Protein backbone atom coordinates (compact mmCIF):
# COMPACT_ATOMS: atom_id res chain seq x y z
CA MET A 1 -27.02 -55.33 -201.77
CA ARG A 2 -28.86 -53.08 -204.19
CA LEU A 3 -32.30 -52.10 -202.91
CA ALA A 4 -35.28 -51.90 -205.23
CA GLU A 5 -37.01 -48.54 -205.39
CA HIS A 6 -39.91 -49.75 -203.24
CA ASP A 7 -37.53 -50.95 -200.52
CA GLY A 8 -35.44 -47.80 -200.73
CA LYS A 9 -38.52 -45.65 -200.28
CA THR A 10 -39.70 -47.81 -197.38
CA LEU A 11 -36.34 -47.13 -195.75
CA LEU A 12 -36.63 -43.37 -196.36
CA ARG A 13 -40.20 -43.27 -195.06
CA ARG A 14 -39.10 -45.05 -191.89
CA HIS A 15 -36.64 -42.22 -191.29
CA GLY A 16 -39.19 -39.47 -191.91
CA VAL A 17 -38.32 -38.51 -195.50
CA ALA A 18 -41.33 -37.64 -197.66
CA VAL A 19 -42.08 -40.08 -200.50
CA PRO A 20 -45.19 -40.49 -202.69
CA ARG A 21 -47.95 -42.78 -201.49
CA GLY A 22 -48.04 -46.04 -203.41
CA ALA A 23 -48.52 -49.79 -203.37
CA LEU A 24 -46.55 -52.74 -204.70
CA HIS A 25 -48.38 -55.15 -207.02
CA HIS A 26 -47.28 -58.63 -208.08
CA GLY A 27 -50.53 -59.58 -209.82
CA ALA A 28 -53.56 -57.77 -211.20
CA ILE A 29 -53.45 -54.00 -211.03
CA SER A 30 -55.93 -51.24 -211.81
CA GLY A 31 -56.37 -47.53 -211.41
CA GLN A 32 -54.14 -44.67 -212.47
CA GLY A 33 -50.96 -42.97 -211.32
CA VAL A 34 -47.25 -43.42 -211.91
CA LEU A 35 -46.46 -47.03 -212.75
CA LYS A 36 -42.88 -48.25 -212.24
CA ALA A 37 -41.18 -51.56 -212.91
CA GLN A 38 -39.22 -52.78 -209.90
CA ILE A 39 -35.85 -53.87 -211.25
CA LEU A 40 -32.32 -53.32 -209.99
CA GLU A 41 -30.92 -51.80 -213.19
CA GLY A 42 -31.04 -48.12 -214.04
CA GLY A 43 -32.43 -46.41 -217.14
CA ARG A 44 -36.04 -47.46 -216.57
CA GLY A 45 -37.47 -44.22 -217.89
CA LYS A 46 -35.64 -44.46 -221.21
CA ARG A 47 -36.81 -48.08 -221.59
CA GLY A 48 -40.49 -47.23 -221.08
CA LEU A 49 -40.62 -49.01 -217.73
CA VAL A 50 -41.84 -45.90 -215.86
CA ARG A 51 -45.11 -44.41 -217.08
CA ARG A 52 -47.67 -41.86 -215.99
CA SER A 53 -50.67 -44.07 -216.56
CA ALA A 54 -54.39 -43.41 -216.95
CA ASP A 55 -55.00 -47.16 -217.34
CA ALA A 56 -52.68 -49.11 -215.03
CA ALA A 57 -53.98 -52.50 -216.18
CA ARG A 58 -53.08 -51.83 -219.82
CA ASP A 59 -49.69 -50.27 -219.07
CA ALA A 60 -48.83 -52.99 -216.55
CA ALA A 61 -49.38 -55.64 -219.24
CA GLU A 62 -47.10 -53.75 -221.64
CA ILE A 63 -44.35 -53.26 -219.05
CA ARG A 64 -44.47 -56.89 -217.97
CA ALA A 65 -44.37 -58.00 -221.62
CA ALA A 66 -41.27 -55.86 -222.16
CA LEU A 67 -39.68 -57.50 -219.10
CA GLY A 68 -40.74 -60.98 -220.22
CA ASP A 69 -42.29 -61.67 -216.82
CA PRO A 70 -46.09 -61.69 -216.39
CA GLY A 71 -45.67 -61.53 -212.60
CA ALA A 72 -43.06 -58.78 -212.47
CA PRO A 73 -43.53 -56.53 -209.41
CA LEU A 74 -44.81 -53.05 -210.20
CA LEU A 75 -45.10 -49.97 -208.00
CA LEU A 76 -48.16 -47.77 -208.55
CA GLU A 77 -47.84 -44.34 -206.94
CA GLU A 78 -49.81 -41.16 -206.73
CA PRO A 79 -48.44 -38.52 -209.11
CA VAL A 80 -46.50 -35.63 -207.60
CA THR A 81 -46.83 -32.14 -209.05
CA MET A 82 -43.31 -30.82 -209.51
CA ALA A 83 -42.27 -27.21 -209.72
CA ARG A 84 -38.67 -28.36 -210.05
CA GLU A 85 -36.66 -31.60 -210.31
CA ILE A 86 -33.33 -31.99 -208.50
CA TYR A 87 -30.73 -34.75 -208.40
CA LEU A 88 -29.42 -35.39 -204.88
CA ALA A 89 -27.09 -38.22 -203.89
CA LEU A 90 -24.64 -39.23 -201.22
CA ARG A 91 -21.93 -41.82 -201.63
CA ILE A 92 -18.99 -43.19 -199.71
CA ASP A 93 -15.76 -41.70 -201.03
CA GLY A 94 -13.37 -44.57 -200.40
CA THR A 95 -10.27 -42.48 -201.08
CA ALA A 96 -11.19 -39.68 -198.68
CA GLN A 97 -12.98 -42.05 -196.29
CA SER A 98 -15.92 -39.69 -196.01
CA ILE A 99 -19.46 -39.13 -197.23
CA GLU A 100 -19.60 -37.09 -200.43
CA LEU A 101 -22.62 -34.98 -201.36
CA LEU A 102 -23.51 -34.71 -205.05
CA CYS A 103 -26.28 -32.49 -206.36
CA SER A 104 -27.45 -31.27 -209.75
CA PRO A 105 -29.98 -28.43 -210.00
CA GLU A 106 -31.46 -30.31 -212.96
CA GLY A 107 -32.68 -33.83 -212.15
CA GLY A 108 -34.67 -36.38 -214.11
CA VAL A 109 -33.86 -38.94 -216.79
CA GLU A 110 -31.33 -36.65 -218.53
CA VAL A 111 -29.33 -35.90 -215.41
CA GLU A 112 -26.18 -37.30 -217.05
CA GLU A 113 -26.33 -34.39 -219.50
CA ALA A 114 -26.64 -31.74 -216.79
CA GLY A 115 -23.89 -29.16 -216.97
CA THR A 116 -23.59 -28.48 -213.24
CA LEU A 117 -22.70 -30.97 -210.53
CA LEU A 118 -22.23 -29.59 -207.04
CA ARG A 119 -20.14 -31.84 -204.82
CA GLY A 120 -18.17 -31.90 -201.61
CA PRO A 121 -17.56 -33.89 -198.43
CA ILE A 122 -19.96 -33.64 -195.50
CA GLU A 123 -19.68 -34.83 -191.90
CA PRO A 124 -23.27 -34.78 -190.63
CA ASP A 125 -22.49 -34.64 -186.90
CA ALA A 126 -19.54 -32.24 -187.03
CA ALA A 127 -19.76 -28.66 -185.80
CA GLY A 128 -20.63 -26.42 -188.73
CA ALA A 129 -21.91 -29.31 -190.88
CA LEU A 130 -25.03 -27.42 -191.94
CA GLU A 131 -23.00 -24.40 -193.02
CA GLU A 132 -20.62 -26.61 -195.03
CA ALA A 133 -23.49 -28.36 -196.81
CA PHE A 134 -25.09 -25.00 -197.54
CA ALA A 135 -21.81 -23.73 -199.03
CA ILE A 136 -21.71 -26.73 -201.40
CA LEU A 137 -25.31 -26.20 -202.55
CA ARG A 138 -25.60 -22.42 -202.60
CA PRO A 139 -24.03 -21.90 -206.08
CA GLY A 140 -26.91 -23.78 -207.68
CA PHE A 141 -29.93 -22.65 -205.69
CA PRO A 142 -31.62 -19.65 -204.07
CA PRO A 143 -30.63 -19.27 -200.39
CA ASP A 144 -33.90 -20.61 -198.93
CA LEU A 145 -33.91 -23.74 -201.12
CA ALA A 146 -30.18 -24.32 -200.58
CA ALA A 147 -30.77 -24.22 -196.81
CA ARG A 148 -33.59 -26.77 -196.96
CA LEU A 149 -31.55 -29.03 -199.23
CA ALA A 150 -28.61 -28.79 -196.83
CA ARG A 151 -30.80 -29.94 -193.93
CA LEU A 152 -32.12 -32.83 -196.03
CA ALA A 153 -28.58 -33.80 -197.09
CA LEU A 154 -27.47 -34.07 -193.47
CA ARG A 155 -30.54 -36.18 -192.63
CA LEU A 156 -29.74 -38.49 -195.56
CA ALA A 157 -26.12 -38.76 -194.43
CA ARG A 158 -27.28 -39.91 -190.99
CA ILE A 159 -29.62 -42.42 -192.67
CA MET A 160 -26.65 -43.74 -194.65
CA ARG A 161 -24.76 -44.45 -191.45
CA ALA A 162 -27.72 -45.96 -189.64
CA GLU A 163 -28.52 -48.23 -192.59
CA ASP A 164 -24.91 -49.03 -193.64
CA LEU A 165 -25.41 -47.66 -197.14
CA GLU A 166 -22.65 -47.12 -199.68
CA LEU A 167 -24.91 -45.05 -201.94
CA LEU A 168 -28.19 -43.18 -201.52
CA GLU A 169 -29.47 -41.46 -204.64
CA ILE A 170 -32.72 -39.54 -205.13
CA ASN A 171 -33.60 -38.66 -208.73
CA PRO A 172 -35.77 -36.82 -209.03
CA LEU A 173 -36.11 -35.02 -205.75
CA ALA A 174 -39.28 -33.02 -206.40
CA VAL A 175 -39.86 -29.48 -205.22
CA THR A 176 -43.66 -29.10 -205.14
CA PRO A 177 -45.42 -25.79 -205.83
CA GLU A 178 -45.85 -25.48 -202.05
CA GLY A 179 -42.10 -25.87 -201.58
CA LYS A 180 -42.17 -29.41 -200.15
CA LEU A 181 -39.28 -31.79 -200.95
CA VAL A 182 -40.45 -35.27 -202.01
CA ALA A 183 -38.22 -38.22 -202.96
CA CYS A 184 -39.89 -39.46 -206.15
CA ASP A 185 -37.30 -42.17 -206.71
CA ALA A 186 -34.70 -43.83 -204.50
CA LYS A 187 -31.63 -45.88 -205.30
CA ALA A 188 -29.80 -47.38 -202.34
CA VAL A 189 -26.89 -49.81 -202.08
CA ARG A 190 -26.16 -51.47 -198.74
CA ASP A 191 -22.66 -52.61 -197.74
CA ASP A 192 -22.63 -56.41 -197.98
CA ALA A 193 -20.28 -56.57 -194.98
CA ALA A 194 -23.08 -55.13 -192.83
CA ALA A 195 -25.74 -57.57 -194.01
CA PHE A 196 -25.78 -59.35 -190.64
CA ARG A 197 -27.15 -56.16 -189.06
CA HIS A 198 -30.12 -55.82 -191.41
CA ALA A 199 -32.86 -58.12 -192.59
CA ALA A 200 -32.71 -58.28 -196.38
CA PRO A 201 -35.94 -56.83 -197.87
CA ASP A 202 -37.87 -59.61 -199.58
CA LEU A 203 -38.33 -57.76 -202.86
CA SER A 204 -34.70 -56.72 -203.24
CA ALA A 205 -33.42 -60.15 -202.23
CA ALA A 206 -35.71 -61.84 -204.77
CA LEU A 207 -34.70 -59.45 -207.56
CA GLU A 208 -31.02 -59.89 -206.78
CA ALA A 209 -31.33 -63.68 -206.79
CA ALA A 210 -33.26 -63.60 -210.06
CA SER A 211 -30.59 -61.44 -211.70
CA LEU A 212 -27.87 -64.06 -211.15
CA THR A 213 -26.75 -66.25 -214.01
CA PRO A 214 -26.75 -70.03 -213.39
CA LEU A 215 -22.97 -69.97 -212.82
CA GLU A 216 -23.23 -66.96 -210.49
CA ARG A 217 -25.89 -68.80 -208.52
CA ARG A 218 -23.71 -71.91 -208.28
CA ALA A 219 -20.79 -69.83 -207.02
CA ARG A 220 -23.01 -68.27 -204.36
CA ASP A 221 -24.12 -71.72 -203.23
CA LEU A 222 -20.47 -72.86 -203.11
CA GLY A 223 -19.52 -69.94 -200.85
CA PHE A 224 -17.95 -67.30 -203.09
CA GLN A 225 -19.02 -64.59 -205.51
CA LEU A 226 -18.74 -64.77 -209.27
CA VAL A 227 -19.69 -62.05 -211.73
CA GLU A 228 -19.78 -62.95 -215.41
CA LEU A 229 -18.57 -60.15 -217.69
CA GLU A 230 -19.63 -59.65 -221.29
CA GLY A 231 -17.02 -59.57 -224.02
CA GLY A 232 -14.28 -61.16 -221.95
CA THR A 233 -11.58 -63.36 -223.47
CA VAL A 234 -9.81 -64.56 -220.28
CA ALA A 235 -11.43 -66.61 -217.53
CA GLN A 236 -9.87 -65.03 -214.44
CA ILE A 237 -9.47 -66.90 -211.15
CA THR A 238 -8.61 -64.80 -208.09
CA ALA A 239 -9.60 -64.46 -204.46
CA GLY A 240 -10.38 -61.10 -202.88
CA ALA A 241 -12.00 -58.05 -204.43
CA GLY A 242 -8.89 -55.87 -204.45
CA LEU A 243 -6.73 -58.45 -206.19
CA GLY A 244 -9.53 -59.29 -208.60
CA MET A 245 -9.96 -55.65 -209.60
CA LEU A 246 -6.21 -55.23 -210.05
CA MET A 247 -6.00 -58.20 -212.41
CA LEU A 248 -9.18 -57.14 -214.23
CA ASP A 249 -7.66 -53.71 -214.92
CA LEU A 250 -4.29 -55.14 -216.01
CA LEU A 251 -5.98 -57.54 -218.41
CA ALA A 252 -8.14 -54.77 -219.87
CA ASP A 253 -5.10 -52.53 -220.36
CA ALA A 254 -3.35 -55.41 -222.16
CA GLY A 255 -6.26 -55.82 -224.57
CA CYS A 256 -7.51 -59.16 -223.24
CA PRO A 257 -10.50 -58.37 -220.99
CA SER A 258 -11.63 -60.69 -218.24
CA ALA A 259 -14.70 -62.87 -218.72
CA CYS A 260 -15.41 -63.05 -214.99
CA PHE A 261 -14.64 -61.57 -211.59
CA MET A 262 -14.41 -63.49 -208.32
CA ASP A 263 -14.52 -62.42 -204.69
CA ASN A 264 -14.69 -64.05 -201.29
CA ALA A 265 -18.08 -64.22 -199.59
CA ASN A 266 -18.55 -63.16 -195.98
CA GLY A 267 -18.59 -66.29 -193.86
CA GLY A 268 -17.71 -68.51 -196.80
CA PRO A 269 -15.58 -71.66 -196.59
CA ALA A 270 -11.82 -71.36 -196.19
CA GLU A 271 -11.07 -73.27 -199.39
CA THR A 272 -12.95 -72.72 -202.64
CA MET A 273 -10.09 -72.90 -205.12
CA PRO A 274 -11.15 -76.19 -206.81
CA ASP A 275 -14.66 -74.83 -207.24
CA ARG A 276 -13.35 -71.55 -208.66
CA LEU A 277 -11.24 -73.51 -211.16
CA ALA A 278 -14.20 -75.64 -212.17
CA LEU A 279 -16.48 -72.66 -212.87
CA ALA A 280 -13.72 -70.78 -214.70
CA PHE A 281 -13.14 -73.85 -216.89
CA GLU A 282 -16.84 -73.89 -217.73
CA ILE A 283 -16.60 -70.25 -218.80
CA ALA A 284 -13.49 -71.15 -220.82
CA LYS A 285 -15.52 -73.59 -222.93
CA ARG A 286 -17.08 -70.61 -224.69
CA PRO A 287 -15.49 -69.92 -228.08
CA GLU A 288 -14.77 -66.26 -227.32
CA VAL A 289 -12.73 -67.17 -224.21
CA LYS A 290 -9.16 -67.95 -225.25
CA ALA A 291 -7.33 -68.57 -221.97
CA VAL A 292 -7.60 -69.17 -218.23
CA MET A 293 -5.55 -67.12 -215.76
CA PHE A 294 -5.01 -68.00 -212.09
CA PHE A 295 -3.36 -65.56 -209.70
CA THR A 296 -3.19 -65.48 -205.92
CA THR A 297 -1.09 -63.89 -203.18
CA LEU A 298 0.19 -65.59 -200.04
CA ALA A 299 1.31 -63.66 -196.98
CA SER A 300 1.71 -66.30 -194.28
CA ARG A 301 -0.16 -69.29 -195.69
CA GLY A 302 2.38 -71.89 -196.85
CA LEU A 303 3.24 -71.96 -200.55
CA LYS A 304 3.61 -75.74 -200.58
CA ALA A 305 0.06 -76.41 -199.41
CA ARG A 306 -1.34 -74.00 -201.98
CA VAL A 307 0.71 -75.51 -204.82
CA GLU A 308 -0.18 -79.07 -203.88
CA ALA A 309 -3.89 -78.19 -203.75
CA LEU A 310 -3.67 -76.44 -207.13
CA ALA A 311 -1.76 -79.34 -208.70
CA ALA A 312 -4.32 -81.84 -207.41
CA ALA A 313 -7.20 -79.75 -208.74
CA LEU A 314 -5.57 -79.40 -212.17
CA ALA A 315 -4.80 -83.12 -212.34
CA ALA A 316 -8.41 -83.94 -211.51
CA ASN A 317 -9.88 -81.35 -213.87
CA PRO A 318 -7.40 -80.37 -216.63
CA PRO A 319 -8.09 -77.06 -218.40
CA THR A 320 -9.22 -77.17 -222.02
CA LYS A 321 -7.73 -73.76 -222.87
CA PRO A 322 -4.20 -72.37 -222.30
CA PHE A 323 -3.67 -72.00 -218.55
CA PHE A 324 -1.52 -69.22 -217.05
CA CYS A 325 -0.55 -69.27 -213.40
CA GLY A 326 0.84 -66.73 -210.96
CA ILE A 327 1.55 -66.79 -207.22
CA ALA A 328 3.10 -63.92 -205.26
CA ALA A 329 4.41 -65.31 -201.97
CA GLY A 330 5.83 -63.44 -198.99
CA HIS A 331 8.78 -64.60 -196.90
CA ALA A 332 6.63 -66.44 -194.38
CA ALA A 333 4.83 -68.33 -197.15
CA LEU A 334 8.16 -69.43 -198.65
CA ARG A 335 9.42 -71.03 -195.44
CA GLY A 336 10.61 -74.55 -196.29
CA TYR A 337 9.44 -74.42 -199.92
CA SER A 338 10.84 -72.32 -202.77
CA MET A 339 9.31 -70.88 -205.92
CA GLU A 340 11.61 -73.20 -207.92
CA GLU A 341 10.05 -76.20 -206.20
CA ALA A 342 6.61 -74.80 -206.90
CA ARG A 343 7.43 -74.36 -210.58
CA ALA A 344 8.70 -77.92 -210.81
CA ARG A 345 5.61 -79.33 -209.10
CA LEU A 346 3.19 -77.43 -211.31
CA ALA A 347 5.14 -78.40 -214.41
CA GLU A 348 4.22 -82.00 -213.59
CA VAL A 349 0.55 -81.16 -214.22
CA GLY A 350 1.18 -79.17 -217.39
CA VAL A 351 1.72 -75.61 -216.12
CA ALA A 352 4.44 -74.26 -218.40
CA ALA A 353 5.42 -71.28 -216.26
CA LEU A 354 4.71 -69.89 -212.79
CA HIS A 355 4.93 -66.13 -212.50
CA ASP A 356 5.37 -64.26 -209.22
CA ASN A 357 4.64 -60.80 -210.67
CA PRO A 358 1.14 -59.88 -211.87
CA HIS A 359 2.48 -57.70 -214.68
CA ASP A 360 4.63 -60.55 -216.02
CA LEU A 361 1.67 -62.89 -215.83
CA VAL A 362 -0.60 -60.56 -217.82
CA ARG A 363 2.13 -59.92 -220.39
CA ALA A 364 2.44 -63.69 -220.88
CA VAL A 365 -1.33 -63.98 -221.36
CA ALA A 366 -1.38 -61.08 -223.85
CA ALA A 367 1.60 -62.43 -225.79
CA ALA A 368 -0.03 -65.85 -226.18
CA MET A 369 -3.34 -64.36 -227.32
């Protein structure tokens, strides 16, 4: 779950990290300060959704008009005098299975253009962790500031673990004229697999729900995740994030990008394949979508049961666009039922070919398109 700035700062404040004083407003607002739209997307500053305001009522009306929502939540904060702006972030490096520290001596809205990015792994509770963090930061800062940033980085890393965060980004991290470090913005992403350990903040949960398309909301209610993708030409049906990403990348490389991405939901029902087909077929009704592609892998689950369920679903709800099918089955899944039998059964419901290799499947899709 992505946390809104207000919720991210509430989390930081709870752990003793300095943040500006402020209040969240859903209705009328007055006064002056720094006014910020609470949305889950980035780039607010470049869109005029963050303003240093002398008339919060006037600017709030303009921001809400730009968002198309007269009740959009806004955060009004006291301004912070900055002697320097810094970009400081920590993320989970999935390859190295560690926390990675990233820091730019130049923070703010143009951080993407900064020429220097200091980065390296940190283990907050290991012996010598402070020295290692200092070594990462020292090339970009004077020794005293690098030391204070290193201590803050280790504190943030411990917060990440306590709060099950995949990302914690502060931009800008203000250095005040008195030398105090203040988190003037906060972007946090919590691991969905750890949601049962944390109560979802009301604001972030509401913003996340509001950001869903009608089809994405239906998928959530049916027990799986669907993400609609702009510019896609293939309605992709998969199960599992890893497999979905693999097929998404293969389709993109073949020049026929996916129009959607699917993943299993924690605690969802065991069988959602007919519902996945139905939503993919709805996406396939769009003129820019030229084909539907189904691919799954079976380790121990029987191939016959999967093929019979797929055949029944296709017979009940035939696709209106060319349908391409792939199943990769392990030895246990093939017990008592062969791929030849599967091909014959699916041919009865109009599936011209059944591929057992994802590359062959994508090549067939690309060739047809």
